[in-house]
């Protein structure tokens, strides 16, 4: 296939471009060339998707079987690109998010769940998208979905991933846990070690995206690992095993952490007490070819990537993830005193 990846230098876009090249597809990437590096074997075109002249230069004398949009955040900008590309590509894949569901993570969701009501012509800039609050981010992504469907004349595929982990992750979730556990000592582990989780390996997302394009899939798919795919304890145990660390995991109750003002999802990455967090129905994607490797394999390969000296492409979101070591030590001391008090000793 001849593919155009909008983005293609960081995490999801990068892994899709790399996987496509490995599979023998002809890949063009379009990005500003300011963050990350171009994937070997692609035709790299540098430009700004917010600049219509740059888009016109991109489509000049080029056509593709499909566009895979991994860098769309503002509805009007996404719609403009989709309109320009409509006559140059046979299909459009838009990488959205489960954050389009206003009831998530408080409730479980499926593709039929309500999404934010955002107009497809909302304007703005994507420059600050990494710092948007979840509702703003999810609303804009919902508007982007509508913009693509309205502007692109051929089949459209909307993918709504949940939590994505793996090599090249630049948010700071699994990479933070691996670095923290590798440092050793007593590690604050949040909540219930048997809490089920369903993160998706970025390489499985890349494979499913390409498979969906090849099979002509259209419509909307949630894309996560199956509900109950792994446990939080299994994730952290794998981090201990892969790093060879002497870390001792100290499991601390949800209620204690909440009472002490710990920020869910960011201060302790991947920890959330909302019941819908890890209950995203991706049965439709699984029935259409999504295959998910074990969480332990994602942990192992991410640690191997970090150990080889690689580091995530800088992102504003990294600064918001991770528990300060002094604060962690203080909380563990308080937790020990709490347990002693509970036991009456």
C-alpha atoms as a PDB file:
ATOM      1  CA  UNK A   1       0.000   0.000   0.000  1.00  0.00           C
ATOM      2  CA  UNK A   2       0.911   3.650  -0.369  1.00  0.00           C
ATOM      3  CA  UNK A   3       0.310   5.333   2.981  1.00  0.00           C
ATOM      4  CA  UNK A   4       0.450   8.883   4.290  1.00  0.00           C
ATOM      5  CA  UNK A   5       1.061   9.248   8.035  1.00  0.00           C
ATOM      6  CA  UNK A   6       0.268  12.669   9.459  1.00  0.00           C
ATOM      7  CA  UNK A   7       2.839  12.817  12.241  1.00  0.00           C
ATOM      8  CA  UNK A   8       5.162   9.833  12.212  1.00  0.00           C
ATOM      9  CA  UNK A   9       8.064  10.830  14.479  1.00  0.00           C
ATOM     10  CA  UNK A  10       6.687  10.190  17.977  1.00  0.00           C
ATOM     11  CA  UNK A  11       5.207   7.152  19.718  1.00  0.00           C
ATOM     12  CA  UNK A  12       2.004   6.059  17.933  1.00  0.00           C
ATOM     13  CA  UNK A  13       2.741   7.711  14.590  1.00  0.00           C
ATOM     14  CA  UNK A  14       6.337   6.543  14.665  1.00  0.00           C
ATOM     15  CA  UNK A  15       5.451   2.910  15.393  1.00  0.00           C
ATOM     16  CA  UNK A  16       2.813   2.905  12.649  1.00  0.00           C
ATOM     17  CA  UNK A  17       5.338   4.284  10.145  1.00  0.00           C
ATOM     18  CA  UNK A  18       8.049   1.839  11.249  1.00  0.00           C
ATOM     19  CA  UNK A  19       5.695  -1.142  11.111  1.00  0.00           C
ATOM     20  CA  UNK A  20       4.401  -0.139   7.685  1.00  0.00           C
ATOM     21  CA  UNK A  21       7.938   0.128   6.304  1.00  0.00           C
ATOM     22  CA  UNK A  22       8.812  -3.268   7.801  1.00  0.00           C
ATOM     23  CA  UNK A  23       5.769  -4.738   6.049  1.00  0.00           C
ATOM     24  CA  UNK A  24       6.956  -3.401   2.696  1.00  0.00           C
ATOM     25  CA  UNK A  25       4.494  -0.545   2.320  1.00  0.00           C
ATOM     26  CA  UNK A  26       5.426   2.784   0.743  1.00  0.00           C
ATOM     27  CA  UNK A  27       5.153   5.454   3.435  1.00  0.00           C
ATOM     28  CA  UNK A  28       5.105   9.248   3.322  1.00  0.00           C
ATOM     29  CA  UNK A  29       5.181  11.149   6.613  1.00  0.00           C
ATOM     30  CA  UNK A  30       4.104  14.753   7.028  1.00  0.00           C
ATOM     31  CA  UNK A  31       5.138  16.719  10.102  1.00  0.00           C
ATOM     32  CA  UNK A  32       6.896  19.912  11.120  1.00  0.00           C
ATOM     33  CA  UNK A  33      10.218  18.182  11.749  1.00  0.00           C
ATOM     34  CA  UNK A  34      10.603  19.861  15.141  1.00  0.00           C
ATOM     35  CA  UNK A  35      10.281  16.902  17.505  1.00  0.00           C
ATOM     36  CA  UNK A  36      11.463  13.379  17.116  1.00  0.00           C
ATOM     37  CA  UNK A  37      13.305  12.092  14.075  1.00  0.00           C
ATOM     38  CA  UNK A  38      12.183  10.753  10.736  1.00  0.00           C
ATOM     39  CA  UNK A  39      11.753   7.000  10.377  1.00  0.00           C
ATOM     40  CA  UNK A  40      14.222   5.359   8.014  1.00  0.00           C
ATOM     41  CA  UNK A  41      12.760   4.286   4.704  1.00  0.00           C
ATOM     42  CA  UNK A  42       9.949   6.837   4.526  1.00  0.00           C
ATOM     43  CA  UNK A  43       9.476   9.799   2.246  1.00  0.00           C
ATOM     44  CA  UNK A  44       9.521  12.634   4.744  1.00  0.00           C
ATOM     45  CA  UNK A  45       7.732  15.858   3.880  1.00  0.00           C
ATOM     46  CA  UNK A  46       8.090  18.670   6.414  1.00  0.00           C
ATOM     47  CA  UNK A  47       5.312  21.190   6.810  1.00  0.00           C
ATOM     48  CA  UNK A  48       2.606  22.460   9.133  1.00  0.00           C
ATOM     49  CA  UNK A  49      -0.873  20.965   8.806  1.00  0.00           C
ATOM     50  CA  UNK A  50      -2.295  24.287   9.977  1.00  0.00           C
ATOM     51  CA  UNK A  51      -0.838  25.901   6.823  1.00  0.00           C
ATOM     52  CA  UNK A  52      -2.959  25.290   3.715  1.00  0.00           C
ATOM     53  CA  UNK A  53       0.017  26.101   1.460  1.00  0.00           C
ATOM     54  CA  UNK A  54       2.051  23.340   3.127  1.00  0.00           C
ATOM     55  CA  UNK A  55      -0.814  20.888   2.595  1.00  0.00           C
ATOM     56  CA  UNK A  56      -1.042  21.894  -1.066  1.00  0.00           C
ATOM     57  CA  UNK A  57       2.680  21.210  -1.443  1.00  0.00           C
ATOM     58  CA  UNK A  58       2.212  17.816   0.199  1.00  0.00           C
ATOM     59  CA  UNK A  59      -0.522  16.634  -2.165  1.00  0.00           C
ATOM     60  CA  UNK A  60       1.156  17.970  -5.314  1.00  0.00           C
ATOM     61  CA  UNK A  61       1.683  14.963  -7.638  1.00  0.00           C
ATOM     62  CA  UNK A  62       1.095  12.479  -4.807  1.00  0.00           C
ATOM     63  CA  UNK A  63      -1.690   9.995  -4.092  1.00  0.00           C
ATOM     64  CA  UNK A  64      -2.141   7.345  -1.411  1.00  0.00           C
ATOM     65  CA  UNK A  65      -4.271   4.338  -0.598  1.00  0.00           C
ATOM     66  CA  UNK A  66      -4.905   5.683   2.884  1.00  0.00           C
ATOM     67  CA  UNK A  67      -4.171   8.577   5.230  1.00  0.00           C
ATOM     68  CA  UNK A  68      -3.399   7.685   8.859  1.00  0.00           C
ATOM     69  CA  UNK A  69      -3.830  10.795  10.972  1.00  0.00           C
ATOM     70  CA  UNK A  70      -1.988  10.529  14.303  1.00  0.00           C
ATOM     71  CA  UNK A  71      -1.539  14.258  14.937  1.00  0.00           C
ATOM     72  CA  UNK A  72      -5.030  15.777  14.727  1.00  0.00           C
ATOM     73  CA  UNK A  73      -6.282  17.802  17.702  1.00  0.00           C
ATOM     74  CA  UNK A  74      -8.260  20.823  16.429  1.00  0.00           C
ATOM     75  CA  UNK A  75     -11.501  20.083  14.518  1.00  0.00           C
ATOM     76  CA  UNK A  76     -11.257  22.863  11.893  1.00  0.00           C
ATOM     77  CA  UNK A  77      -7.601  22.022  11.199  1.00  0.00           C
ATOM     78  CA  UNK A  78      -8.349  18.319  10.865  1.00  0.00           C
ATOM     79  CA  UNK A  79     -11.349  18.996   8.634  1.00  0.00           C
ATOM     80  CA  UNK A  80      -9.329  21.228   6.329  1.00  0.00           C
ATOM     81  CA  UNK A  81      -6.669  18.550   5.883  1.00  0.00           C
ATOM     82  CA  UNK A  82      -9.296  15.869   5.278  1.00  0.00           C
ATOM     83  CA  UNK A  83     -10.947  18.011   2.600  1.00  0.00           C
ATOM     84  CA  UNK A  84      -7.647  18.643   0.795  1.00  0.00           C
ATOM     85  CA  UNK A  85      -6.666  14.971   1.001  1.00  0.00           C
ATOM     86  CA  UNK A  86     -10.088  13.685  -0.021  1.00  0.00           C
ATOM     87  CA  UNK A  87      -9.223  13.659  -3.725  1.00  0.00           C
ATOM     88  CA  UNK A  88      -5.772  12.196  -3.089  1.00  0.00           C
ATOM     89  CA  UNK A  89      -6.476   9.167  -0.886  1.00  0.00           C
ATOM     90  CA  UNK A  90      -8.936   6.270  -0.863  1.00  0.00           C
ATOM     91  CA  UNK A  91      -9.417   6.024   2.907  1.00  0.00           C
ATOM     92  CA  UNK A  92      -8.820   8.056   6.057  1.00  0.00           C
ATOM     93  CA  UNK A  93      -7.903   6.700   9.492  1.00  0.00           C
ATOM     94  CA  UNK A  94      -8.269   9.127  12.375  1.00  0.00           C
ATOM     95  CA  UNK A  95      -6.544   8.268  15.651  1.00  0.00           C
ATOM     96  CA  UNK A  96      -8.961   9.445  18.312  1.00  0.00           C
ATOM     97  CA  UNK A  97      -9.228   8.458  21.999  1.00  0.00           C
ATOM     98  CA  UNK A  98     -11.572   6.967  24.599  1.00  0.00           C
ATOM     99  CA  UNK A  99     -11.528  10.461  26.135  1.00  0.00           C
ATOM    100  CA  UNK A 100     -14.291  11.380  23.653  1.00  0.00           C
ATOM    101  CA  UNK A 101     -16.677   9.665  26.086  1.00  0.00           C
ATOM    102  CA  UNK A 102     -17.694  12.158  28.799  1.00  0.00           C
ATOM    103  CA  UNK A 103     -18.752   9.271  31.073  1.00  0.00           C
ATOM    104  CA  UNK A 104     -15.295   7.671  30.991  1.00  0.00           C
ATOM    105  CA  UNK A 105     -13.546   6.778  33.292  1.00  0.00           C
ATOM    106  CA  UNK A 106     -16.409   7.006  35.779  1.00  0.00           C
ATOM    107  CA  UNK A 107     -18.337   4.400  33.767  1.00  0.00           C
ATOM    108  CA  UNK A 108     -17.564   1.579  31.370  1.00  0.00           C
ATOM    109  CA  UNK A 109     -17.989   2.503  27.697  1.00  0.00           C
ATOM    110  CA  UNK A 110     -18.587   0.977  24.275  1.00  0.00           C
ATOM    111  CA  UNK A 111     -18.766   2.510  20.820  1.00  0.00           C
ATOM    112  CA  UNK A 112     -22.457   3.215  21.416  1.00  0.00           C
ATOM    113  CA  UNK A 113     -21.771   5.363  24.502  1.00  0.00           C
ATOM    114  CA  UNK A 114     -22.450   9.123  24.206  1.00  0.00           C
ATOM    115  CA  UNK A 115     -19.556  11.318  23.063  1.00  0.00           C
ATOM    116  CA  UNK A 116     -18.872  15.007  23.590  1.00  0.00           C
ATOM    117  CA  UNK A 117     -20.895  17.370  21.431  1.00  0.00           C
ATOM    118  CA  UNK A 118     -18.211  19.414  19.698  1.00  0.00           C
ATOM    119  CA  UNK A 119     -18.757  21.105  16.335  1.00  0.00           C
ATOM    120  CA  UNK A 120     -16.498  20.080  13.434  1.00  0.00           C
ATOM    121  CA  UNK A 121     -15.538  23.679  12.659  1.00  0.00           C
ATOM    122  CA  UNK A 122     -14.125  24.647  16.077  1.00  0.00           C
ATOM    123  CA  UNK A 123     -10.882  26.545  15.532  1.00  0.00           C
ATOM    124  CA  UNK A 124      -7.714  26.937  17.542  1.00  0.00           C
ATOM    125  CA  UNK A 125      -4.159  25.696  17.658  1.00  0.00           C
ATOM    126  CA  UNK A 126      -2.722  22.347  18.647  1.00  0.00           C
ATOM    127  CA  UNK A 127       0.353  23.939  20.201  1.00  0.00           C
ATOM    128  CA  UNK A 128      -0.968  23.581  23.746  1.00  0.00           C
ATOM    129  CA  UNK A 129      -2.849  20.292  23.302  1.00  0.00           C
ATOM    130  CA  UNK A 130      -0.559  18.417  25.704  1.00  0.00           C
ATOM    131  CA  UNK A 131      -1.673  20.657  28.558  1.00  0.00           C
ATOM    132  CA  UNK A 132      -5.401  20.658  27.832  1.00  0.00           C
ATOM    133  CA  UNK A 133      -7.639  19.247  30.581  1.00  0.00           C
ATOM    134  CA  UNK A 134      -9.161  15.877  29.758  1.00  0.00           C
ATOM    135  CA  UNK A 135     -12.610  17.274  28.949  1.00  0.00           C
ATOM    136  CA  UNK A 136     -11.170  19.834  26.504  1.00  0.00           C
ATOM    137  CA  UNK A 137      -8.957  17.223  24.865  1.00  0.00           C
ATOM    138  CA  UNK A 138     -11.775  14.688  24.590  1.00  0.00           C
ATOM    139  CA  UNK A 139     -14.255  17.233  23.295  1.00  0.00           C
ATOM    140  CA  UNK A 140     -11.891  18.460  20.580  1.00  0.00           C
ATOM    141  CA  UNK A 141     -11.134  14.888  19.526  1.00  0.00           C
ATOM    142  CA  UNK A 142     -14.873  14.242  19.155  1.00  0.00           C
ATOM    143  CA  UNK A 143     -15.092  17.349  16.978  1.00  0.00           C
ATOM    144  CA  UNK A 144     -12.178  16.079  14.908  1.00  0.00           C
ATOM    145  CA  UNK A 145     -13.995  12.805  14.288  1.00  0.00           C
ATOM    146  CA  UNK A 146     -17.000  14.717  12.977  1.00  0.00           C
ATOM    147  CA  UNK A 147     -14.780  16.956  10.870  1.00  0.00           C
ATOM    148  CA  UNK A 148     -13.147  14.016   9.089  1.00  0.00           C
ATOM    149  CA  UNK A 149     -16.466  12.300   8.416  1.00  0.00           C
ATOM    150  CA  UNK A 150     -17.924  15.541   7.015  1.00  0.00           C
ATOM    151  CA  UNK A 151     -14.926  16.483   4.851  1.00  0.00           C
ATOM    152  CA  UNK A 152     -13.591  13.193   3.497  1.00  0.00           C
ATOM    153  CA  UNK A 153     -15.553  11.668   0.632  1.00  0.00           C
ATOM    154  CA  UNK A 154     -14.257   8.088   0.899  1.00  0.00           C
ATOM    155  CA  UNK A 155     -14.440   5.559   3.794  1.00  0.00           C
ATOM    156  CA  UNK A 156     -13.367   6.803   7.237  1.00  0.00           C
ATOM    157  CA  UNK A 157     -12.059   4.667  10.083  1.00  0.00           C
ATOM    158  CA  UNK A 158     -12.133   6.109  13.602  1.00  0.00           C
ATOM    159  CA  UNK A 159      -9.902   4.395  16.189  1.00  0.00           C
ATOM    160  CA  UNK A 160     -10.375   5.197  19.884  1.00  0.00           C
ATOM    161  CA  UNK A 161      -7.456   3.781  21.874  1.00  0.00           C
ATOM    162  CA  UNK A 162      -7.329   3.750  25.643  1.00  0.00           C
ATOM    163  CA  UNK A 163      -4.015   3.642  27.516  1.00  0.00           C
ATOM    164  CA  UNK A 164      -1.119   2.946  25.147  1.00  0.00           C
ATOM    165  CA  UNK A 165       2.222   1.667  26.453  1.00  0.00           C
ATOM    166  CA  UNK A 166       5.428   0.313  24.934  1.00  0.00           C
ATOM    167  CA  UNK A 167       8.746   1.401  23.405  1.00  0.00           C
ATOM    168  CA  UNK A 168       8.907   5.114  22.517  1.00  0.00           C
ATOM    169  CA  UNK A 169       6.175   6.005  25.042  1.00  0.00           C
ATOM    170  CA  UNK A 170       6.544   9.747  25.678  1.00  0.00           C
ATOM    171  CA  UNK A 171       3.824  10.369  28.275  1.00  0.00           C
ATOM    172  CA  UNK A 172       5.788   8.951  31.209  1.00  0.00           C
ATOM    173  CA  UNK A 173       3.627   6.136  32.520  1.00  0.00           C
ATOM    174  CA  UNK A 174       5.336   2.761  32.117  1.00  0.00           C
ATOM    175  CA  UNK A 175       8.686   4.468  31.606  1.00  0.00           C
ATOM    176  CA  UNK A 176       8.298   6.146  35.007  1.00  0.00           C
ATOM    177  CA  UNK A 177       7.411   2.896  36.743  1.00  0.00           C
ATOM    178  CA  UNK A 178      10.393   1.117  35.203  1.00  0.00           C
ATOM    179  CA  UNK A 179      12.801   3.877  36.187  1.00  0.00           C
ATOM    180  CA  UNK A 180      11.384   4.091  39.716  1.00  0.00           C
ATOM    181  CA  UNK A 181      11.503   0.348  40.341  1.00  0.00           C
ATOM    182  CA  UNK A 182      14.982   0.073  38.826  1.00  0.00           C
ATOM    183  CA  UNK A 183      16.147   2.562  41.478  1.00  0.00           C
ATOM    184  CA  UNK A 184      15.279   0.016  44.184  1.00  0.00           C
ATOM    185  CA  UNK A 185      14.094   0.300  47.774  1.00  0.00           C
ATOM    186  CA  UNK A 186      10.547   0.345  49.087  1.00  0.00           C
ATOM    187  CA  UNK A 187       8.146   1.301  46.299  1.00  0.00           C
ATOM    188  CA  UNK A 188       4.654   2.608  46.949  1.00  0.00           C
ATOM    189  CA  UNK A 189       2.285   0.419  44.944  1.00  0.00           C
ATOM    190  CA  UNK A 190      -1.243   1.845  44.695  1.00  0.00           C
ATOM    191  CA  UNK A 191      -4.479   0.178  45.650  1.00  0.00           C
ATOM    192  CA  UNK A 192      -5.327  -3.443  44.936  1.00  0.00           C
ATOM    193  CA  UNK A 193      -2.671  -5.567  43.251  1.00  0.00           C
ATOM    194  CA  UNK A 194      -5.464  -7.695  41.737  1.00  0.00           C
ATOM    195  CA  UNK A 195      -7.078  -4.681  40.046  1.00  0.00           C
ATOM    196  CA  UNK A 196      -7.497  -5.638  36.400  1.00  0.00           C
ATOM    197  CA  UNK A 197      -6.046  -3.408  33.694  1.00  0.00           C
ATOM    198  CA  UNK A 198      -6.225  -3.328  29.895  1.00  0.00           C
ATOM    199  CA  UNK A 199      -3.384  -1.216  28.473  1.00  0.00           C
ATOM    200  CA  UNK A 200      -2.594  -1.680  24.792  1.00  0.00           C
ATOM    201  CA  UNK A 201       0.887  -2.204  23.410  1.00  0.00           C
ATOM    202  CA  UNK A 202       1.647   0.473  20.805  1.00  0.00           C
ATOM    203  CA  UNK A 203       2.902  -2.187  18.389  1.00  0.00           C
ATOM    204  CA  UNK A 204      -0.423  -4.020  18.608  1.00  0.00           C
ATOM    205  CA  UNK A 205      -2.184  -0.738  17.835  1.00  0.00           C
ATOM    206  CA  UNK A 206       0.101  -0.255  14.827  1.00  0.00           C
ATOM    207  CA  UNK A 207      -0.567  -3.785  13.570  1.00  0.00           C
ATOM    208  CA  UNK A 208      -4.324  -3.400  13.973  1.00  0.00           C
ATOM    209  CA  UNK A 209      -4.304  -0.042  12.195  1.00  0.00           C
ATOM    210  CA  UNK A 210      -2.512  -1.455   9.172  1.00  0.00           C
ATOM    211  CA  UNK A 211      -4.622  -4.615   9.196  1.00  0.00           C
ATOM    212  CA  UNK A 212      -7.775  -2.489   9.231  1.00  0.00           C
ATOM    213  CA  UNK A 213      -6.590  -0.423   6.281  1.00  0.00           C
ATOM    214  CA  UNK A 214      -5.701  -3.548   4.292  1.00  0.00           C
ATOM    215  CA  UNK A 215      -9.094  -5.132   4.956  1.00  0.00           C
ATOM    216  CA  UNK A 216     -11.007  -1.943   4.160  1.00  0.00           C
ATOM    217  CA  UNK A 217     -12.499  -1.542   7.629  1.00  0.00           C
ATOM    218  CA  UNK A 218     -14.574   1.562   8.279  1.00  0.00           C
ATOM    219  CA  UNK A 219     -16.604   2.940  11.144  1.00  0.00           C
ATOM    220  CA  UNK A 220     -15.597   3.332  14.785  1.00  0.00           C
ATOM    221  CA  UNK A 221     -13.596   0.983  16.987  1.00  0.00           C
ATOM    222  CA  UNK A 222     -12.493   1.222  20.606  1.00  0.00           C
ATOM    223  CA  UNK A 223      -8.960  -0.159  20.714  1.00  0.00           C
ATOM    224  CA  UNK A 224      -7.776  -1.535  24.039  1.00  0.00           C
ATOM    225  CA  UNK A 225      -6.659  -4.904  25.320  1.00  0.00           C
ATOM    226  CA  UNK A 226      -9.559  -7.101  26.481  1.00  0.00           C
ATOM    227  CA  UNK A 227     -11.140  -6.308  29.846  1.00  0.00           C
ATOM    228  CA  UNK A 228      -9.177  -8.248  32.477  1.00  0.00           C
ATOM    229  CA  UNK A 229      -6.125  -8.592  30.210  1.00  0.00           C
ATOM    230  CA  UNK A 230      -3.733  -8.100  33.138  1.00  0.00           C
ATOM    231  CA  UNK A 231      -3.460  -6.872  36.704  1.00  0.00           C
ATOM    232  CA  UNK A 232      -1.703  -3.902  38.267  1.00  0.00           C
ATOM    233  CA  UNK A 233       0.252  -6.324  40.424  1.00  0.00           C
ATOM    234  CA  UNK A 234       1.332  -8.264  37.365  1.00  0.00           C
ATOM    235  CA  UNK A 235       2.495  -5.057  35.701  1.00  0.00           C
ATOM    236  CA  UNK A 236       4.637  -3.999  38.662  1.00  0.00           C
ATOM    237  CA  UNK A 237       5.942  -7.519  39.281  1.00  0.00           C
ATOM    238  CA  UNK A 238       7.082  -7.608  35.657  1.00  0.00           C
ATOM    239  CA  UNK A 239       8.876  -4.278  36.200  1.00  0.00           C
ATOM    240  CA  UNK A 240      10.717  -5.797  39.187  1.00  0.00           C
ATOM    241  CA  UNK A 241      11.633  -8.931  37.229  1.00  0.00           C
ATOM    242  CA  UNK A 242      12.825  -7.143  34.093  1.00  0.00           C
ATOM    243  CA  UNK A 243      14.907  -4.524  35.890  1.00  0.00           C
ATOM    244  CA  UNK A 244      16.486  -7.082  38.244  1.00  0.00           C
ATOM    245  CA  UNK A 245      15.686  -4.676  41.037  1.00  0.00           C
ATOM    246  CA  UNK A 246      15.742  -5.289  44.776  1.00  0.00           C
ATOM    247  CA  UNK A 247      12.604  -3.188  45.074  1.00  0.00           C
ATOM    248  CA  UNK A 248       9.991  -4.184  47.628  1.00  0.00           C
ATOM    249  CA  UNK A 249       6.452  -3.302  46.602  1.00  0.00           C
ATOM    250  CA  UNK A 250       4.361  -1.861  49.427  1.00  0.00           C
ATOM    251  CA  UNK A 251       0.682  -1.967  48.484  1.00  0.00           C
ATOM    252  CA  UNK A 252      -1.184   1.012  49.922  1.00  0.00           C
ATOM    253  CA  UNK A 253      -4.983   1.290  50.087  1.00  0.00           C
ATOM    254  CA  UNK A 254      -6.852   3.538  47.661  1.00  0.00           C
ATOM    255  CA  UNK A 255      -8.674   5.257  50.508  1.00  0.00           C
ATOM    256  CA  UNK A 256      -5.415   6.149  52.256  1.00  0.00           C
ATOM    257  CA  UNK A 257      -3.924   7.638  49.085  1.00  0.00           C
ATOM    258  CA  UNK A 258      -7.061   9.636  48.342  1.00  0.00           C
ATOM    259  CA  UNK A 259      -7.233  10.898  51.908  1.00  0.00           C
ATOM    260  CA  UNK A 260      -3.664  12.157  51.536  1.00  0.00           C
ATOM    261  CA  UNK A 261      -4.436  14.091  48.370  1.00  0.00           C
ATOM    262  CA  UNK A 262      -2.510  11.981  45.864  1.00  0.00           C
ATOM    263  CA  UNK A 263      -3.405  12.823  42.267  1.00  0.00           C
ATOM    264  CA  UNK A 264      -4.808   9.879  40.375  1.00  0.00           C
ATOM    265  CA  UNK A 265      -3.433   8.971  36.936  1.00  0.00           C
ATOM    266  CA  UNK A 266      -0.538  11.432  37.008  1.00  0.00           C
ATOM    267  CA  UNK A 267       1.188  11.564  40.389  1.00  0.00           C
ATOM    268  CA  UNK A 268       0.934   7.778  40.507  1.00  0.00           C
ATOM    269  CA  UNK A 269       0.851   6.786  36.816  1.00  0.00           C
ATOM    270  CA  UNK A 270      -1.885   4.385  35.711  1.00  0.00           C
ATOM    271  CA  UNK A 271      -3.608   4.436  39.125  1.00  0.00           C
ATOM    272  CA  UNK A 272      -7.270   5.361  39.026  1.00  0.00           C
ATOM    273  CA  UNK A 273     -10.099   4.315  41.315  1.00  0.00           C
ATOM    274  CA  UNK A 274     -12.969   5.097  38.916  1.00  0.00           C
ATOM    275  CA  UNK A 275     -14.779   1.842  38.051  1.00  0.00           C
ATOM    276  CA  UNK A 276     -14.825   2.435  34.288  1.00  0.00           C
ATOM    277  CA  UNK A 277     -11.100   3.124  33.872  1.00  0.00           C
ATOM    278  CA  UNK A 278     -10.223  -0.390  32.768  1.00  0.00           C
ATOM    279  CA  UNK A 279     -13.622  -1.419  31.434  1.00  0.00           C
ATOM    280  CA  UNK A 280     -13.563  -0.180  27.846  1.00  0.00           C
ATOM    281  CA  UNK A 281     -15.371  -2.599  25.528  1.00  0.00           C
ATOM    282  CA  UNK A 282     -13.130  -3.362  22.533  1.00  0.00           C
ATOM    283  CA  UNK A 283     -14.928  -6.511  21.481  1.00  0.00           C
ATOM    284  CA  UNK A 284     -15.600  -5.117  18.012  1.00  0.00           C
ATOM    285  CA  UNK A 285     -11.898  -4.499  17.359  1.00  0.00           C
ATOM    286  CA  UNK A 286     -10.956  -7.912  18.721  1.00  0.00           C
ATOM    287  CA  UNK A 287     -13.499  -9.536  16.413  1.00  0.00           C
ATOM    288  CA  UNK A 288     -11.940  -7.605  13.523  1.00  0.00           C
ATOM    289  CA  UNK A 289      -8.357  -8.722  14.081  1.00  0.00           C
ATOM    290  CA  UNK A 290      -6.924  -6.919  17.125  1.00  0.00           C
ATOM    291  CA  UNK A 291      -4.374  -9.132  18.869  1.00  0.00           C
ATOM    292  CA  UNK A 292      -2.786  -8.134  22.190  1.00  0.00           C
ATOM    293  CA  UNK A 293       0.497  -9.380  23.620  1.00  0.00           C
ATOM    294  CA  UNK A 294       0.826  -9.967  27.389  1.00  0.00           C
ATOM    295  CA  UNK A 295       1.503  -6.958  29.615  1.00  0.00           C
ATOM    296  CA  UNK A 296       4.763  -8.646  30.670  1.00  0.00           C
ATOM    297  CA  UNK A 297       5.991  -8.548  27.059  1.00  0.00           C
ATOM    298  CA  UNK A 298       5.278  -4.817  26.836  1.00  0.00           C
ATOM    299  CA  UNK A 299       7.192  -4.258  30.080  1.00  0.00           C
ATOM    300  CA  UNK A 300      10.151  -6.364  28.913  1.00  0.00           C
ATOM    301  CA  UNK A 301      10.483  -4.657  25.546  1.00  0.00           C
ATOM    302  CA  UNK A 302      10.080  -1.171  26.987  1.00  0.00           C
ATOM    303  CA  UNK A 303      12.824  -1.863  29.538  1.00  0.00           C
ATOM    304  CA  UNK A 304      15.056  -3.244  26.776  1.00  0.00           C
ATOM    305  CA  UNK A 305      14.455  -0.048  24.799  1.00  0.00           C
ATOM    306  CA  UNK A 306      15.299   2.156  27.799  1.00  0.00           C
ATOM    307  CA  UNK A 307      18.332   0.035  28.665  1.00  0.00           C
ATOM    308  CA  UNK A 308      19.696   0.552  25.165  1.00  0.00           C
ATOM    309  CA  UNK A 309      20.013   4.248  25.965  1.00  0.00           C
ATOM    310  CA  UNK A 310      16.848   5.433  24.262  1.00  0.00           C
ATOM    311  CA  UNK A 311      14.755   8.141  25.848  1.00  0.00           C
ATOM    312  CA  UNK A 312      11.223   9.370  25.088  1.00  0.00           C
ATOM    313  CA  UNK A 313      10.795  12.377  22.836  1.00  0.00           C
ATOM    314  CA  UNK A 314      10.219  15.327  25.207  1.00  0.00           C
ATOM    315  CA  UNK A 315       6.564  16.065  25.930  1.00  0.00           C
ATOM    316  CA  UNK A 316       4.901  18.559  28.242  1.00  0.00           C
ATOM    317  CA  UNK A 317       2.896  15.695  29.729  1.00  0.00           C
ATOM    318  CA  UNK A 318       6.013  13.990  31.144  1.00  0.00           C
ATOM    319  CA  UNK A 319       6.417  16.638  33.828  1.00  0.00           C
ATOM    320  CA  UNK A 320       3.009  15.781  35.288  1.00  0.00           C
ATOM    321  CA  UNK A 321       3.741  12.087  35.828  1.00  0.00           C
ATOM    322  CA  UNK A 322       5.477  10.505  38.775  1.00  0.00           C
ATOM    323  CA  UNK A 323       5.566  10.656  42.565  1.00  0.00           C
ATOM    324  CA  UNK A 324       8.291  12.715  44.241  1.00  0.00           C
ATOM    325  CA  UNK A 325      10.678  10.391  46.101  1.00  0.00           C
ATOM    326  CA  UNK A 326      10.577  12.366  49.357  1.00  0.00           C
ATOM    327  CA  UNK A 327       6.793  12.415  49.235  1.00  0.00           C
ATOM    328  CA  UNK A 328       6.745   8.693  48.553  1.00  0.00           C
ATOM    329  CA  UNK A 329       8.964   8.025  51.581  1.00  0.00           C
ATOM    330  CA  UNK A 330       6.756  10.214  53.755  1.00  0.00           C
ATOM    331  CA  UNK A 331       3.605   8.415  52.598  1.00  0.00           C
ATOM    332  CA  UNK A 332       5.156   5.023  53.280  1.00  0.00           C
ATOM    333  CA  UNK A 333       6.032   6.136  56.802  1.00  0.00           C
ATOM    334  CA  UNK A 334       2.486   7.353  57.346  1.00  0.00           C
ATOM    335  CA  UNK A 335       1.137   4.097  55.954  1.00  0.00           C
ATOM    336  CA  UNK A 336       3.258   2.067  58.361  1.00  0.00           C
ATOM    337  CA  UNK A 337       1.960   4.125  61.282  1.00  0.00           C
ATOM    338  CA  UNK A 338      -1.574   3.675  59.973  1.00  0.00           C
ATOM    339  CA  UNK A 339      -1.186  -0.101  59.881  1.00  0.00           C
ATOM    340  CA  UNK A 340       0.273  -0.137  63.380  1.00  0.00           C
ATOM    341  CA  UNK A 341      -2.657   1.923  64.594  1.00  0.00           C
ATOM    342  CA  UNK A 342      -5.138  -0.381  62.892  1.00  0.00           C
ATOM    343  CA  UNK A 343      -3.541  -3.432  64.496  1.00  0.00           C
ATOM    344  CA  UNK A 344      -3.432  -1.777  67.910  1.00  0.00           C
ATOM    345  CA  UNK A 345       0.345  -2.141  68.264  1.00  0.00           C
END
